[in-house]
Amino acid sequence: MAKLPEVVSEAWDNRAGAVVLTTVSSDGIANSIYATCVSKYDDETLIVADNYFDKTKQNIIDGSKGVILFITGDNKAYQIKGSIEYCTSGLIYDDMKAWNDPKHPGHAAVAIKVEAVYKGAEKLV
């Protein structure tokens, strides 16, 4: 498993607005959503709270990998690609429940395990 480079970890802390999470169906059809309930668990894992997933959840259950795309306040774009774990219990789930706004259901914590990282078109990892 790869780790986020320090420059990307710092960029994550300075992201502007929602991230885009993309998964792919078993038919090969991409599905992208905006996600605002997100966190960095550690340098190998980003978490997105499953508050209202539908197609995204099905894609994950079917084995999709994922991509998180985000932009910083100074308009630099980053992509993190990796495998996905759908956590309905355990440490990652508990972490998500601690920061996810209680007005949202927090059905699960979607953990994206870092495999590749890009800054724009430049591959960093």
Protein backbone atom coordinates (compact mmCIF):
# COMPACT_ATOMS: atom_id res chain seq x y z
CA MET A 1 0.00 0.00 0.00
CA ALA A 2 1.24 3.48 -0.89
CA LYS A 3 1.28 6.59 1.29
CA LEU A 4 0.26 10.14 0.54
CA PRO A 5 3.29 12.31 -0.16
CA GLU A 6 3.65 15.18 2.31
CA VAL A 7 2.75 17.74 -0.38
CA VAL A 8 -0.56 15.94 -1.02
CA SER A 9 -1.28 15.52 2.67
CA GLU A 10 -0.82 19.28 3.11
CA ALA A 11 -2.95 19.95 0.03
CA TRP A 12 -5.70 17.74 1.50
CA ASP A 13 -5.74 19.97 4.58
CA ASN A 14 -6.17 23.00 2.29
CA ARG A 15 -8.78 21.61 -0.10
CA ALA A 16 -11.55 23.90 -1.30
CA GLY A 17 -15.10 22.59 -1.23
CA ALA A 18 -16.35 19.08 -1.81
CA VAL A 19 -14.30 16.23 -3.20
CA VAL A 20 -15.41 14.11 -6.14
CA LEU A 21 -15.58 10.36 -5.53
CA THR A 22 -15.72 8.16 -8.61
CA THR A 23 -16.49 4.45 -8.75
CA VAL A 24 -17.25 2.14 -11.66
CA SER A 25 -20.14 -0.30 -12.05
CA SER A 26 -19.67 -3.93 -12.96
CA ASP A 27 -20.80 -2.87 -16.47
CA GLY A 28 -17.90 -0.40 -16.69
CA ILE A 29 -20.04 2.73 -16.24
CA ALA A 30 -18.39 5.47 -14.17
CA ASN A 31 -20.34 7.14 -11.38
CA SER A 32 -19.11 10.35 -9.73
CA ILE A 33 -20.53 12.08 -6.69
CA TYR A 34 -19.67 15.13 -4.64
CA ALA A 35 -18.78 14.33 -1.06
CA THR A 36 -18.39 16.82 1.76
CA CYS A 37 -18.17 14.42 4.71
CA VAL A 38 -14.57 13.32 4.26
CA SER A 39 -11.46 12.88 6.37
CA LYS A 40 -7.88 11.66 6.24
CA TYR A 41 -7.61 8.63 8.55
CA ASP A 42 -3.86 8.26 8.08
CA ASP A 43 -1.29 8.66 5.27
CA GLU A 44 -2.61 5.48 3.61
CA THR A 45 -6.37 5.94 3.98
CA LEU A 46 -8.97 8.57 3.16
CA ILE A 47 -12.53 8.18 4.42
CA VAL A 48 -15.82 9.24 2.86
CA ALA A 49 -18.98 8.88 4.95
CA ASP A 50 -21.75 6.91 3.24
CA ASN A 51 -24.63 9.13 4.15
CA TYR A 52 -26.79 8.81 1.04
CA PHE A 53 -25.01 6.45 -1.39
CA ASP A 54 -26.98 4.44 -3.92
CA LYS A 55 -25.06 3.61 -7.12
CA THR A 56 -21.78 4.34 -5.34
CA LYS A 57 -22.56 1.77 -2.64
CA GLN A 58 -23.51 -0.86 -5.22
CA ASN A 59 -20.32 -0.22 -7.18
CA ILE A 60 -18.25 -0.65 -4.02
CA ILE A 61 -20.05 -3.87 -3.10
CA ASP A 62 -19.41 -5.12 -6.64
CA GLY A 63 -15.66 -4.56 -6.15
CA SER A 64 -15.01 -1.16 -7.74
CA LYS A 65 -11.81 0.70 -7.05
CA GLY A 66 -12.19 4.42 -6.46
CA VAL A 67 -10.79 7.83 -7.25
CA ILE A 68 -10.97 10.94 -5.09
CA LEU A 69 -10.44 14.21 -6.94
CA PHE A 70 -10.02 17.46 -5.04
CA ILE A 71 -8.84 20.99 -5.66
CA THR A 72 -7.03 23.36 -3.32
CA GLY A 73 -7.72 27.02 -2.64
CA ASP A 74 -4.92 27.92 -5.05
CA ASN A 75 -6.52 25.79 -7.82
CA LYS A 76 -4.16 22.82 -7.76
CA ALA A 77 -5.86 19.51 -8.56
CA TYR A 78 -5.02 16.17 -6.94
CA GLN A 79 -6.24 12.61 -7.51
CA ILE A 80 -5.95 9.69 -5.14
CA LYS A 81 -6.72 6.27 -6.63
CA GLY A 82 -7.08 3.03 -4.76
CA SER A 83 -9.00 0.08 -3.48
CA ILE A 84 -12.09 0.59 -1.34
CA GLU A 85 -13.23 -0.97 1.91
CA TYR A 86 -16.85 -0.55 2.98
CA CYS A 87 -16.73 -0.44 6.79
CA THR A 88 -19.92 -0.81 8.84
CA SER A 89 -18.04 -1.46 12.09
CA GLY A 90 -14.52 -1.27 13.49
CA LEU A 91 -11.96 1.49 14.01
CA ILE A 92 -12.44 3.25 10.67
CA TYR A 93 -16.23 3.23 11.09
CA ASP A 94 -15.89 4.55 14.66
CA ASP A 95 -13.58 7.30 13.44
CA MET A 96 -16.14 8.37 10.81
CA LYS A 97 -18.94 8.42 13.40
CA ALA A 98 -16.81 10.76 15.55
CA TRP A 99 -16.51 13.49 12.89
CA ASN A 100 -19.54 12.93 10.63
CA ASP A 101 -22.27 15.47 11.36
CA PRO A 102 -24.95 13.63 13.38
CA LYS A 103 -27.67 15.12 11.14
CA HIS A 104 -26.44 12.60 8.53
CA PRO A 105 -27.02 8.84 8.91
CA GLY A 106 -23.41 7.66 8.48
CA HIS A 107 -24.39 4.21 7.21
CA ALA A 108 -20.74 3.25 6.64
CA ALA A 109 -17.22 4.57 6.31
CA VAL A 110 -15.80 4.15 2.83
CA ALA A 111 -12.04 3.77 3.18
CA ILE A 112 -10.00 4.50 0.05
CA LYS A 113 -6.61 2.81 0.40
CA VAL A 114 -3.97 4.85 -1.45
CA GLU A 115 -2.46 3.08 -4.47
CA ALA A 116 -1.66 5.98 -6.82
CA VAL A 117 -1.47 9.76 -6.37
CA TYR A 118 -1.44 12.52 -8.98
CA LYS A 119 -0.90 16.27 -8.90
CA GLY A 120 -2.60 17.36 -12.08
CA ALA A 121 -1.21 15.01 -14.74
CA GLU A 122 2.01 14.33 -12.78
CA LYS A 123 2.12 10.94 -11.09
CA LEU A 124 3.58 11.29 -7.60
CA VAL A 125 3.06 7.70 -6.38
